[in-house]
Amino acid sequence: MPKLTSFYSIATALPLILAASFAMAQSTTTEETADEPVQETPVPADGLSLGEEASEGPKVGETYVKEEHGDWSMRCIKTEEGDDPCQMYQLLADGEGTPISEFTLFRLPDGGQARAGATVIVPLETSLAAQLTVKIDSNAAKRYPFAFCNSIGCYARIGLTQEDIDGFKKGNQATLTIVPVLAPDQKVDISLSLTGFTAAYDVVSVIEQ
């Protein structure tokens, strides 16, 4: 039986992925102006610093956790306007507690068949042909294709209908299933807790695609 040690090499890079998820979800991003002068702390002639006011909280462009709802974190990006976009976030682990995947979710504007969007990131050595399956409790599973891979992992961008959302709200646990490319005869099941899903979904941001 092939070893899957390298299959979990994404674990050390997982904290970096949220920013990439936001980049795909938002239609506009906050750009830093390279020509703006750097603000320096005034230093008197005697060389002694008089200090400056220390700002608290995240700076513009930084990601922070606004609140927690059960097993879901509300992760937001600080903006100048103060209307910070937030996504539901959960770090997923395998049966041995090793981080293996990330799941982020956001609501979509009204009018489309998909009421919410989600980004699932899995290790690079995942079989793309086998796709990703998502199953809530004992209900029938749905299969989703992977959109692309980069140095961090492979991404599945999925749309959730109102029926899907209702299933998440009523469910206890979702199971994400992937297949290692080095072990095509095996399946790796990843548990996604639905504890706190409804409370988090009620306050998550609507993000334009």
N, C-alpha and C. Protein backbone atom coordinates (compact mmCIF):
# COMPACT_ATOMS: atom_id res chain seq x y z
N MET A 1 0.85 -1.20 0.00
CA MET A 1 0.00 0.00 0.00
C MET A 1 0.89 1.24 0.00
N PRO A 2 0.74 2.17 -0.96
CA PRO A 2 1.60 3.35 -1.03
C PRO A 2 1.44 4.21 0.21
N LYS A 3 2.56 4.78 0.61
CA LYS A 3 2.51 5.70 1.74
C LYS A 3 1.98 7.06 1.29
N LEU A 4 1.27 7.73 2.19
CA LEU A 4 0.66 9.01 1.82
C LEU A 4 1.34 10.17 2.53
N THR A 5 2.57 9.97 3.01
CA THR A 5 3.24 11.02 3.77
C THR A 5 3.32 12.30 2.96
N SER A 6 3.78 12.22 1.69
CA SER A 6 3.92 13.42 0.87
C SER A 6 2.57 14.02 0.51
N PHE A 7 1.54 13.22 0.62
CA PHE A 7 0.19 13.71 0.32
C PHE A 7 -0.23 14.81 1.27
N TYR A 8 0.37 14.86 2.45
CA TYR A 8 0.00 15.85 3.46
C TYR A 8 1.00 16.99 3.53
N SER A 9 1.83 17.17 2.51
CA SER A 9 2.84 18.22 2.55
C SER A 9 2.25 19.61 2.56
N ILE A 10 0.97 19.72 2.22
CA ILE A 10 0.31 21.03 2.23
C ILE A 10 0.12 21.58 3.62
N ALA A 11 0.20 20.76 4.64
CA ALA A 11 -0.17 21.18 6.00
C ALA A 11 0.57 22.42 6.45
N THR A 12 1.86 22.51 6.14
CA THR A 12 2.63 23.66 6.62
C THR A 12 2.25 24.94 5.90
N ALA A 13 1.61 24.82 4.74
CA ALA A 13 1.25 26.02 3.98
C ALA A 13 -0.18 26.45 4.19
N LEU A 14 -0.98 25.69 4.93
CA LEU A 14 -2.40 25.97 5.05
C LEU A 14 -2.73 27.37 5.59
N PRO A 15 -2.00 27.91 6.58
CA PRO A 15 -2.37 29.24 7.07
C PRO A 15 -2.28 30.32 6.02
N LEU A 16 -1.64 30.06 4.87
CA LEU A 16 -1.46 31.08 3.86
C LEU A 16 -2.61 31.15 2.87
N ILE A 17 -3.53 30.19 2.90
CA ILE A 17 -4.47 30.06 1.80
C ILE A 17 -5.65 31.03 1.81
N LEU A 18 -6.02 31.50 2.97
CA LEU A 18 -7.24 32.31 3.04
C LEU A 18 -7.16 33.53 2.15
N ALA A 19 -6.01 34.16 2.11
CA ALA A 19 -5.87 35.34 1.27
C ALA A 19 -6.13 35.00 -0.18
N ALA A 20 -5.72 33.82 -0.62
CA ALA A 20 -5.96 33.40 -2.00
C ALA A 20 -7.44 33.18 -2.24
N SER A 21 -8.14 32.63 -1.25
CA SER A 21 -9.58 32.41 -1.39
C SER A 21 -10.32 33.73 -1.55
N PHE A 22 -9.93 34.74 -0.77
CA PHE A 22 -10.54 36.05 -0.89
C PHE A 22 -10.26 36.66 -2.25
N ALA A 23 -9.06 36.45 -2.76
CA ALA A 23 -8.69 37.02 -4.04
C ALA A 23 -9.60 36.48 -5.14
N MET A 24 -10.01 35.22 -5.03
CA MET A 24 -10.91 34.64 -6.02
C MET A 24 -12.35 35.09 -5.80
N ALA A 25 -12.73 35.34 -4.55
CA ALA A 25 -14.12 35.61 -4.23
C ALA A 25 -14.51 37.05 -4.47
N GLN A 26 -13.58 37.99 -4.31
CA GLN A 26 -13.89 39.41 -4.41
C GLN A 26 -13.67 39.90 -5.82
N SER A 27 -14.54 40.81 -6.29
CA SER A 27 -14.38 41.37 -7.61
C SER A 27 -13.39 42.52 -7.61
N THR A 28 -13.20 43.15 -6.45
CA THR A 28 -12.24 44.23 -6.32
C THR A 28 -11.39 43.97 -5.10
N THR A 29 -10.16 44.48 -5.12
CA THR A 29 -9.26 44.33 -3.99
C THR A 29 -8.66 45.67 -3.64
N THR A 30 -8.21 45.78 -2.40
CA THR A 30 -7.57 47.00 -1.94
C THR A 30 -6.12 46.97 -2.35
N GLU A 31 -5.68 47.98 -3.10
CA GLU A 31 -4.31 48.03 -3.56
C GLU A 31 -3.54 49.06 -2.78
N GLU A 32 -2.29 48.74 -2.46
CA GLU A 32 -1.43 49.68 -1.78
C GLU A 32 -0.78 50.58 -2.81
N THR A 33 -0.65 51.83 -2.52
CA THR A 33 -0.05 52.79 -3.42
C THR A 33 1.44 52.86 -3.16
N ALA A 34 2.21 52.45 -4.17
CA ALA A 34 3.66 52.35 -3.97
C ALA A 34 4.32 53.72 -3.85
N ASP A 35 3.66 54.75 -4.40
CA ASP A 35 4.28 56.08 -4.42
C ASP A 35 4.07 56.84 -3.13
N GLU A 36 3.26 56.35 -2.20
CA GLU A 36 3.01 57.08 -0.98
C GLU A 36 4.26 57.10 -0.12
N PRO A 37 4.60 58.25 0.45
CA PRO A 37 5.81 58.33 1.27
C PRO A 37 5.67 57.53 2.55
N VAL A 38 6.76 56.98 3.02
CA VAL A 38 6.77 56.23 4.26
C VAL A 38 6.74 57.19 5.44
N GLN A 39 5.80 56.97 6.36
CA GLN A 39 5.68 57.82 7.53
C GLN A 39 6.72 57.42 8.57
N GLU A 40 7.58 58.34 8.93
CA GLU A 40 8.61 58.04 9.91
C GLU A 40 8.32 58.74 11.22
N THR A 41 8.70 58.11 12.30
CA THR A 41 8.52 58.70 13.61
C THR A 41 9.49 59.86 13.79
N PRO A 42 8.98 61.06 14.14
CA PRO A 42 9.89 62.20 14.32
C PRO A 42 10.92 61.90 15.40
N VAL A 43 12.15 62.27 15.11
CA VAL A 43 13.23 62.09 16.07
C VAL A 43 13.85 63.45 16.37
N PRO A 44 13.83 63.88 17.60
CA PRO A 44 14.40 65.18 17.96
C PRO A 44 15.91 65.21 17.76
N ALA A 45 16.47 66.41 17.90
CA ALA A 45 17.89 66.59 17.63
C ALA A 45 18.78 65.77 18.55
N ASP A 46 18.29 65.47 19.75
CA ASP A 46 19.13 64.71 20.68
C ASP A 46 19.11 63.20 20.40
N GLY A 47 18.37 62.80 19.34
CA GLY A 47 18.35 61.40 18.96
C GLY A 47 17.42 60.53 19.76
N LEU A 48 16.64 61.11 20.67
CA LEU A 48 15.72 60.34 21.50
C LEU A 48 14.34 60.33 20.87
N SER A 49 13.81 59.15 20.66
CA SER A 49 12.48 59.04 20.07
C SER A 49 11.42 59.43 21.08
N LEU A 50 10.44 60.20 20.61
CA LEU A 50 9.32 60.60 21.44
C LEU A 50 8.15 59.65 21.29
N GLY A 51 8.31 58.62 20.46
CA GLY A 51 7.26 57.63 20.29
C GLY A 51 6.16 58.10 19.37
N GLU A 52 5.28 57.20 19.05
CA GLU A 52 4.11 57.51 18.24
C GLU A 52 2.94 56.69 18.73
N GLU A 53 1.76 57.11 18.36
CA GLU A 53 0.56 56.42 18.80
C GLU A 53 0.51 55.02 18.19
N ALA A 54 0.38 54.02 19.02
CA ALA A 54 0.32 52.64 18.56
C ALA A 54 -1.12 52.26 18.23
N SER A 55 -1.37 51.92 16.97
CA SER A 55 -2.72 51.54 16.57
C SER A 55 -2.99 50.09 16.97
N GLU A 56 -4.20 49.82 17.41
CA GLU A 56 -4.58 48.48 17.79
C GLU A 56 -5.45 47.85 16.71
N GLY A 57 -5.42 46.55 16.64
CA GLY A 57 -6.24 45.85 15.67
C GLY A 57 -5.53 45.68 14.35
N PRO A 58 -6.17 44.99 13.39
CA PRO A 58 -5.56 44.70 12.10
C PRO A 58 -5.41 45.95 11.24
N LYS A 59 -4.41 45.94 10.38
CA LYS A 59 -4.21 47.02 9.43
C LYS A 59 -4.94 46.70 8.14
N VAL A 60 -5.10 47.71 7.29
CA VAL A 60 -5.80 47.52 6.02
C VAL A 60 -5.10 46.43 5.20
N GLY A 61 -5.89 45.48 4.72
CA GLY A 61 -5.36 44.39 3.94
C GLY A 61 -5.04 43.14 4.73
N GLU A 62 -5.05 43.25 6.06
CA GLU A 62 -4.74 42.10 6.90
C GLU A 62 -5.98 41.26 7.19
N THR A 63 -5.78 39.96 7.37
CA THR A 63 -6.86 39.04 7.70
C THR A 63 -6.94 38.89 9.22
N TYR A 64 -8.16 38.86 9.73
CA TYR A 64 -8.34 38.69 11.17
C TYR A 64 -9.61 37.88 11.43
N VAL A 65 -9.68 37.29 12.61
CA VAL A 65 -10.87 36.53 13.01
C VAL A 65 -11.79 37.46 13.79
N LYS A 66 -12.96 37.69 13.23
CA LYS A 66 -13.91 38.61 13.85
C LYS A 66 -14.67 37.95 14.98
N GLU A 67 -15.09 36.71 14.78
CA GLU A 67 -15.86 36.00 15.79
C GLU A 67 -15.87 34.52 15.48
N GLU A 68 -16.35 33.74 16.43
CA GLU A 68 -16.44 32.29 16.27
C GLU A 68 -17.90 31.86 16.44
N HIS A 69 -18.32 30.90 15.64
CA HIS A 69 -19.66 30.32 15.76
C HIS A 69 -19.49 28.81 15.74
N GLY A 70 -19.52 28.19 16.89
CA GLY A 70 -19.29 26.75 16.95
C GLY A 70 -17.91 26.42 16.42
N ASP A 71 -17.86 25.56 15.40
CA ASP A 71 -16.58 25.16 14.81
C ASP A 71 -16.18 26.02 13.62
N TRP A 72 -16.91 27.12 13.41
CA TRP A 72 -16.63 28.01 12.29
C TRP A 72 -16.03 29.32 12.77
N SER A 73 -15.00 29.77 12.07
CA SER A 73 -14.43 31.10 12.32
C SER A 73 -14.94 32.05 11.26
N MET A 74 -15.18 33.31 11.67
CA MET A 74 -15.54 34.34 10.71
C MET A 74 -14.28 35.13 10.40
N ARG A 75 -13.65 34.84 9.27
CA ARG A 75 -12.39 35.49 8.90
C ARG A 75 -12.66 36.62 7.92
N CYS A 76 -12.10 37.77 8.25
CA CYS A 76 -12.39 38.99 7.50
C CYS A 76 -11.10 39.64 7.03
N ILE A 77 -11.22 40.52 6.03
CA ILE A 77 -10.09 41.32 5.58
C ILE A 77 -10.39 42.78 5.89
N LYS A 78 -9.46 43.44 6.56
CA LYS A 78 -9.63 44.83 6.96
C LYS A 78 -9.58 45.74 5.75
N THR A 79 -10.57 46.63 5.63
CA THR A 79 -10.62 47.59 4.53
C THR A 79 -10.62 49.01 5.08
N GLU A 80 -10.29 49.96 4.22
CA GLU A 80 -10.29 51.35 4.63
C GLU A 80 -11.70 51.83 4.94
N GLU A 81 -12.69 51.31 4.19
CA GLU A 81 -14.07 51.75 4.36
C GLU A 81 -14.68 51.23 5.66
N GLY A 82 -14.15 50.15 6.19
CA GLY A 82 -14.68 49.59 7.43
C GLY A 82 -15.74 48.52 7.22
N ASP A 83 -16.20 48.35 5.95
CA ASP A 83 -17.18 47.31 5.65
C ASP A 83 -16.41 46.06 5.24
N ASP A 84 -15.82 45.38 6.22
CA ASP A 84 -14.88 44.30 5.96
C ASP A 84 -15.60 43.04 5.45
N PRO A 85 -15.20 42.51 4.30
CA PRO A 85 -15.79 41.26 3.80
C PRO A 85 -15.32 40.08 4.65
N CYS A 86 -16.24 39.20 4.98
CA CYS A 86 -15.93 38.05 5.85
C CYS A 86 -16.39 36.75 5.20
N GLN A 87 -15.64 35.71 5.45
CA GLN A 87 -16.02 34.38 5.00
C GLN A 87 -16.02 33.41 6.17
N MET A 88 -16.87 32.41 6.07
CA MET A 88 -16.85 31.33 7.05
C MET A 88 -15.64 30.45 6.75
N TYR A 89 -14.98 30.00 7.80
CA TYR A 89 -13.72 29.27 7.61
C TYR A 89 -13.62 28.10 8.58
N GLN A 90 -13.09 27.00 8.07
CA GLN A 90 -12.81 25.86 8.94
C GLN A 90 -11.58 25.11 8.41
N LEU A 91 -10.64 24.86 9.31
CA LEU A 91 -9.47 24.07 9.00
C LEU A 91 -9.81 22.60 9.25
N LEU A 92 -9.56 21.76 8.27
CA LEU A 92 -9.96 20.35 8.36
C LEU A 92 -8.74 19.46 8.52
N ALA A 93 -8.90 18.41 9.30
CA ALA A 93 -7.80 17.49 9.57
C ALA A 93 -8.20 16.07 9.19
N ASP A 94 -7.18 15.22 9.01
CA ASP A 94 -7.47 13.82 8.73
C ASP A 94 -7.74 13.08 10.04
N GLY A 95 -7.86 11.78 9.96
CA GLY A 95 -8.20 10.99 11.15
C GLY A 95 -7.14 11.02 12.23
N GLU A 96 -5.91 11.42 11.87
CA GLU A 96 -4.82 11.49 12.83
C GLU A 96 -4.58 12.91 13.34
N GLY A 97 -5.45 13.84 12.94
CA GLY A 97 -5.33 15.21 13.41
C GLY A 97 -4.39 16.08 12.59
N THR A 98 -3.92 15.59 11.46
CA THR A 98 -3.03 16.36 10.59
C THR A 98 -3.85 17.29 9.71
N PRO A 99 -3.57 18.61 9.72
CA PRO A 99 -4.30 19.52 8.83
C PRO A 99 -4.13 19.09 7.38
N ILE A 100 -5.23 18.99 6.67
CA ILE A 100 -5.18 18.47 5.30
C ILE A 100 -5.97 19.33 4.32
N SER A 101 -6.88 20.15 4.80
CA SER A 101 -7.74 20.90 3.89
C SER A 101 -8.28 22.14 4.57
N GLU A 102 -8.75 23.08 3.75
CA GLU A 102 -9.45 24.26 4.26
C GLU A 102 -10.76 24.43 3.50
N PHE A 103 -11.74 24.93 4.21
CA PHE A 103 -13.07 25.14 3.63
C PHE A 103 -13.50 26.56 3.96
N THR A 104 -13.78 27.36 2.95
CA THR A 104 -14.30 28.71 3.16
C THR A 104 -15.61 28.87 2.40
N LEU A 105 -16.51 29.67 2.95
CA LEU A 105 -17.84 29.83 2.36
C LEU A 105 -18.29 31.27 2.49
N PHE A 106 -19.00 31.75 1.47
CA PHE A 106 -19.54 33.10 1.46
C PHE A 106 -20.87 33.09 0.72
N ARG A 107 -21.71 34.06 1.02
CA ARG A 107 -22.99 34.17 0.32
C ARG A 107 -22.81 34.91 -1.00
N LEU A 108 -23.73 34.64 -1.93
CA LEU A 108 -23.72 35.30 -3.23
C LEU A 108 -24.94 36.21 -3.35
N PRO A 109 -24.88 37.21 -4.22
CA PRO A 109 -26.04 38.09 -4.41
C PRO A 109 -27.26 37.30 -4.89
N ASP A 110 -28.43 37.82 -4.59
CA ASP A 110 -29.67 37.17 -5.02
C ASP A 110 -29.78 37.18 -6.54
N GLY A 111 -30.53 36.23 -7.06
CA GLY A 111 -30.80 36.20 -8.49
C GLY A 111 -30.21 35.01 -9.22
N GLY A 112 -29.24 34.37 -8.64
CA GLY A 112 -28.62 33.22 -9.28
C GLY A 112 -29.07 31.92 -8.67
N GLN A 113 -28.81 30.82 -9.38
CA GLN A 113 -29.18 29.51 -8.85
C GLN A 113 -28.34 29.17 -7.63
N ALA A 114 -27.08 29.57 -7.64
CA ALA A 114 -26.20 29.35 -6.49
C ALA A 114 -26.43 30.47 -5.47
N ARG A 115 -26.76 30.09 -4.26
CA ARG A 115 -27.00 31.08 -3.20
C ARG A 115 -25.74 31.37 -2.39
N ALA A 116 -24.77 30.46 -2.48
CA ALA A 116 -23.51 30.65 -1.77
C ALA A 116 -22.40 29.98 -2.56
N GLY A 117 -21.17 30.42 -2.30
CA GLY A 117 -20.02 29.82 -2.94
C GLY A 117 -19.06 29.32 -1.88
N ALA A 118 -18.31 28.30 -2.22
CA ALA A 118 -17.33 27.76 -1.28
C ALA A 118 -16.06 27.41 -2.03
N THR A 119 -14.95 27.54 -1.34
CA THR A 119 -13.66 27.14 -1.88
C THR A 119 -13.07 26.06 -0.98
N VAL A 120 -12.74 24.94 -1.57
CA VAL A 120 -12.13 23.83 -0.83
C VAL A 120 -10.72 23.64 -1.37
N ILE A 121 -9.74 23.61 -0.49
CA ILE A 121 -8.34 23.44 -0.89
C ILE A 121 -7.81 22.15 -0.29
N VAL A 122 -7.24 21.33 -1.14
CA VAL A 122 -6.73 20.01 -0.72
C VAL A 122 -5.28 19.88 -1.17
N PRO A 123 -4.56 18.85 -0.70
CA PRO A 123 -3.15 18.69 -1.07
C PRO A 123 -2.91 18.54 -2.57
N LEU A 124 -1.70 18.88 -2.98
CA LEU A 124 -1.34 18.83 -4.39
C LEU A 124 -1.47 17.43 -4.98
N GLU A 125 -1.12 16.41 -4.25
CA GLU A 125 -1.12 15.06 -4.79
C GLU A 125 -2.49 14.40 -4.70
N THR A 126 -3.50 15.20 -5.02
CA THR A 126 -4.88 14.70 -5.08
C THR A 126 -5.22 14.38 -6.53
N SER A 127 -5.90 13.29 -6.74
CA SER A 127 -6.32 12.92 -8.10
C SER A 127 -7.41 13.88 -8.58
N LEU A 128 -7.10 14.65 -9.60
CA LEU A 128 -8.07 15.60 -10.13
C LEU A 128 -9.19 14.87 -10.87
N ALA A 129 -8.87 13.76 -11.50
CA ALA A 129 -9.87 13.01 -12.25
C ALA A 129 -10.95 12.45 -11.33
N ALA A 130 -10.57 12.08 -10.11
CA ALA A 130 -11.54 11.52 -9.16
C ALA A 130 -12.47 12.58 -8.60
N GLN A 131 -12.08 13.85 -8.72
CA GLN A 131 -12.87 14.98 -8.26
C GLN A 131 -13.07 14.97 -6.74
N LEU A 132 -13.89 15.89 -6.28
CA LEU A 132 -14.20 16.03 -4.86
C LEU A 132 -15.66 15.66 -4.63
N THR A 133 -15.92 14.86 -3.62
CA THR A 133 -17.31 14.57 -3.27
C THR A 133 -17.62 15.13 -1.88
N VAL A 134 -18.83 15.63 -1.74
CA VAL A 134 -19.30 16.20 -0.48
C VAL A 134 -20.60 15.52 -0.10
N LYS A 135 -20.65 15.02 1.12
CA LYS A 135 -21.83 14.30 1.59
C LYS A 135 -22.21 14.80 2.97
N ILE A 136 -23.48 15.11 3.17
CA ILE A 136 -23.97 15.57 4.47
C ILE A 136 -24.69 14.42 5.16
N ASP A 137 -24.18 14.04 6.32
CA ASP A 137 -24.73 12.92 7.07
C ASP A 137 -24.88 11.70 6.15
N SER A 138 -26.07 11.13 6.08
CA SER A 138 -26.27 9.95 5.25
C SER A 138 -26.94 10.27 3.92
N ASN A 139 -27.01 11.54 3.57
CA ASN A 139 -27.64 11.95 2.32
C ASN A 139 -26.75 11.60 1.13
N ALA A 140 -27.31 11.70 -0.06
CA ALA A 140 -26.56 11.41 -1.27
C ALA A 140 -25.42 12.42 -1.44
N ALA A 141 -24.30 11.95 -1.92
CA ALA A 141 -23.13 12.80 -2.12
C ALA A 141 -23.23 13.56 -3.43
N LYS A 142 -22.55 14.71 -3.49
CA LYS A 142 -22.43 15.48 -4.72
C LYS A 142 -20.95 15.50 -5.12
N ARG A 143 -20.70 15.51 -6.43
CA ARG A 143 -19.33 15.51 -6.93
C ARG A 143 -19.03 16.86 -7.59
N TYR A 144 -17.83 17.40 -7.31
CA TYR A 144 -17.42 18.69 -7.86
C TYR A 144 -16.03 18.57 -8.48
N PRO A 145 -15.80 19.24 -9.60
CA PRO A 145 -14.47 19.19 -10.22
C PRO A 145 -13.51 20.15 -9.53
N PHE A 146 -12.23 19.91 -9.71
CA PHE A 146 -11.21 20.85 -9.24
C PHE A 146 -10.98 21.89 -10.33
N ALA A 147 -10.83 23.14 -9.92
CA ALA A 147 -10.66 24.22 -10.88
C ALA A 147 -9.21 24.37 -11.31
N PHE A 148 -8.28 24.30 -10.37
CA PHE A 148 -6.87 24.46 -10.70
C PHE A 148 -6.03 24.09 -9.48
N CYS A 149 -4.73 24.00 -9.69
CA CYS A 149 -3.77 23.77 -8.61
C CYS A 149 -2.68 24.84 -8.69
N ASN A 150 -2.11 25.19 -7.55
CA ASN A 150 -0.94 26.05 -7.54
C ASN A 150 0.04 25.49 -6.51
N SER A 151 1.00 26.29 -6.09
CA SER A 151 2.02 25.78 -5.18
C SER A 151 1.46 25.44 -3.80
N ILE A 152 0.28 25.92 -3.49
CA ILE A 152 -0.32 25.68 -2.18
C ILE A 152 -1.13 24.39 -2.16
N GLY A 153 -1.91 24.17 -3.20
CA GLY A 153 -2.76 22.99 -3.23
C GLY A 153 -3.68 23.02 -4.43
N CYS A 154 -4.69 22.17 -4.43
CA CYS A 154 -5.67 22.10 -5.52
C CYS A 154 -7.01 22.65 -5.02
N TYR A 155 -7.64 23.45 -5.86
CA TYR A 155 -8.83 24.21 -5.47
C TYR A 155 -10.07 23.68 -6.17
N ALA A 156 -11.12 23.49 -5.39
CA ALA A 156 -12.45 23.22 -5.94
C ALA A 156 -13.32 24.41 -5.57
N ARG A 157 -13.91 25.03 -6.56
CA ARG A 157 -14.79 26.18 -6.32
C ARG A 157 -16.21 25.72 -6.62
N ILE A 158 -17.03 25.67 -5.59
CA ILE A 158 -18.34 25.04 -5.74
C ILE A 158 -19.45 26.05 -5.45
N GLY A 159 -20.58 25.85 -6.13
CA GLY A 159 -21.76 26.66 -5.89
C GLY A 159 -22.77 25.86 -5.10
N LEU A 160 -23.40 26.51 -4.15
CA LEU A 160 -24.36 25.83 -3.28
C LEU A 160 -25.75 26.42 -3.51
N THR A 161 -26.69 25.55 -3.83
CA THR A 161 -28.08 25.97 -4.01
C THR A 161 -28.74 26.17 -2.64
N GLN A 162 -29.96 26.68 -2.65
CA GLN A 162 -30.69 26.83 -1.40
C GLN A 162 -30.92 25.48 -0.75
N GLU A 163 -31.14 24.46 -1.57
CA GLU A 163 -31.32 23.10 -1.03
C GLU A 163 -30.04 22.62 -0.34
N ASP A 164 -28.91 22.93 -0.96
CA ASP A 164 -27.63 22.56 -0.34
C ASP A 164 -27.45 23.27 1.00
N ILE A 165 -27.74 24.57 1.02
CA ILE A 165 -27.60 25.35 2.26
C ILE A 165 -28.51 24.81 3.34
N ASP A 166 -29.74 24.48 2.99
CA ASP A 166 -30.67 23.91 3.96
C ASP A 166 -30.13 22.60 4.53
N GLY A 167 -29.49 21.81 3.67
CA GLY A 167 -28.89 20.56 4.13
C GLY A 167 -27.77 20.80 5.11
N PHE A 168 -26.94 21.80 4.84
CA PHE A 168 -25.86 22.15 5.77
C PHE A 168 -26.43 22.61 7.12
N LYS A 169 -27.51 23.39 7.06
CA LYS A 169 -28.10 23.89 8.30
C LYS A 169 -28.69 22.76 9.15
N LYS A 170 -29.30 21.79 8.51
CA LYS A 170 -29.95 20.69 9.24
C LYS A 170 -28.97 19.60 9.64
N GLY A 171 -27.84 19.52 8.97
CA GLY A 171 -26.92 18.41 9.17
C GLY A 171 -26.05 18.56 10.40
N ASN A 172 -25.41 17.47 10.76
CA ASN A 172 -24.46 17.44 11.87
C ASN A 172 -23.01 17.45 11.39
N GLN A 173 -22.78 16.79 10.26
CA GLN A 173 -21.42 16.69 9.75
C GLN A 173 -21.44 16.44 8.25
N ALA A 174 -20.53 17.08 7.56
CA ALA A 174 -20.34 16.81 6.14
C ALA A 174 -19.03 16.04 5.98
N THR A 175 -18.98 15.19 4.97
CA THR A 175 -17.77 14.42 4.69
C THR A 175 -17.27 14.77 3.31
N LEU A 176 -16.04 15.25 3.24
CA LEU A 176 -15.38 15.53 1.97
C LEU A 176 -14.49 14.35 1.64
N THR A 177 -14.58 13.85 0.42
CA THR A 177 -13.80 12.69 0.03
C THR A 177 -12.92 13.02 -1.17
N ILE A 178 -11.62 12.70 -1.02
CA ILE A 178 -10.68 12.89 -2.11
C ILE A 178 -9.90 11.59 -2.30
N VAL A 179 -9.21 11.49 -3.44
CA VAL A 179 -8.44 10.29 -3.77
C VAL A 179 -6.99 10.69 -4.02
N PRO A 180 -6.03 10.07 -3.33
CA PRO A 180 -4.62 10.38 -3.59
C PRO A 180 -4.20 9.88 -4.97
N VAL A 181 -3.45 10.70 -5.69
CA VAL A 181 -3.02 10.29 -7.03
C VAL A 181 -2.06 9.12 -6.97
N LEU A 182 -1.32 8.96 -5.86
CA LEU A 182 -0.38 7.84 -5.71
C LEU A 182 -1.06 6.57 -5.20
N ALA A 183 -2.31 6.69 -4.80
CA ALA A 183 -3.05 5.53 -4.31
C ALA A 183 -4.48 5.61 -4.81
N PRO A 184 -4.69 5.44 -6.11
CA PRO A 184 -6.02 5.62 -6.71
C PRO A 184 -7.07 4.64 -6.21
N ASP A 185 -6.63 3.58 -5.51
CA ASP A 185 -7.59 2.61 -4.99
C ASP A 185 -8.05 2.98 -3.58
N GLN A 186 -7.54 4.10 -3.05
CA GLN A 186 -7.90 4.52 -1.71
C GLN A 186 -8.73 5.81 -1.75
N LYS A 187 -9.48 6.01 -0.69
CA LYS A 187 -10.22 7.25 -0.52
C LYS A 187 -9.88 7.87 0.83
N VAL A 188 -9.77 9.17 0.86
CA VAL A 188 -9.49 9.88 2.10
C VAL A 188 -10.73 10.69 2.47
N ASP A 189 -11.35 10.37 3.59
CA ASP A 189 -12.53 11.08 4.07
C ASP A 189 -12.10 12.17 5.06
N ILE A 190 -12.62 13.37 4.85
CA ILE A 190 -12.30 14.52 5.71
C ILE A 190 -13.60 15.04 6.30
N SER A 191 -13.65 15.14 7.61
CA SER A 191 -14.87 15.57 8.29
C SER A 191 -14.96 17.09 8.36
N LEU A 192 -16.12 17.62 8.00
CA LEU A 192 -16.41 19.05 8.10
C LEU A 192 -17.53 19.21 9.11
N SER A 193 -17.24 19.82 10.25
CA SER A 193 -18.26 20.00 11.28
C SER A 193 -19.27 21.05 10.85
N LEU A 194 -20.54 20.79 11.12
CA LEU A 194 -21.60 21.75 10.81
C LEU A 194 -22.11 22.43 12.08
N THR A 195 -21.43 22.24 13.20
CA THR A 195 -21.79 22.91 14.44
C THR A 195 -21.55 24.42 14.29
N GLY A 196 -22.59 25.19 14.48
CA GLY A 196 -22.48 26.64 14.35
C GLY A 196 -22.68 27.16 12.94
N PHE A 197 -22.98 26.26 11.99
CA PHE A 197 -23.10 26.68 10.59
C PHE A 197 -24.19 27.73 10.40
N THR A 198 -25.37 27.49 10.95
CA THR A 198 -26.49 28.42 10.74
C THR A 198 -26.17 29.80 11.27
N ALA A 199 -25.63 29.88 12.48
CA ALA A 199 -25.30 31.18 13.08
C ALA A 199 -24.25 31.92 12.25
N ALA A 200 -23.27 31.19 11.74
CA ALA A 200 -22.23 31.81 10.93
C ALA A 200 -22.79 32.25 9.57
N TYR A 201 -23.62 31.42 8.98
CA TYR A 201 -24.17 31.74 7.66
C TYR A 201 -25.05 32.99 7.71
N ASP A 202 -25.73 33.18 8.81
CA ASP A 202 -26.64 34.33 8.93
C ASP A 202 -25.90 35.66 8.92
N VAL A 203 -24.61 35.65 9.23
CA VAL A 203 -23.84 36.91 9.30
C VAL A 203 -22.69 36.98 8.29
N VAL A 204 -22.50 35.94 7.48
CA VAL A 204 -21.39 35.95 6.54
C VAL A 204 -21.68 36.96 5.42
N SER A 205 -20.62 37.48 4.83
CA SER A 205 -20.75 38.54 3.83
C SER A 205 -21.30 38.01 2.50
N VAL A 206 -21.95 38.90 1.78
CA VAL A 206 -22.32 38.65 0.38
C VAL A 206 -21.18 39.18 -0.47
N ILE A 207 -20.58 38.33 -1.29
CA ILE A 207 -19.41 38.72 -2.07
C ILE A 207 -19.70 38.53 -3.55
N GLU A 208 -19.47 39.58 -4.34
CA GLU A 208 -19.67 39.52 -5.78
C GLU A 208 -18.59 38.65 -6.40
N GLN A 209 -18.97 37.95 -7.47
CA GLN A 209 -17.99 37.16 -8.22
C GLN A 209 -17.45 37.96 -9.39
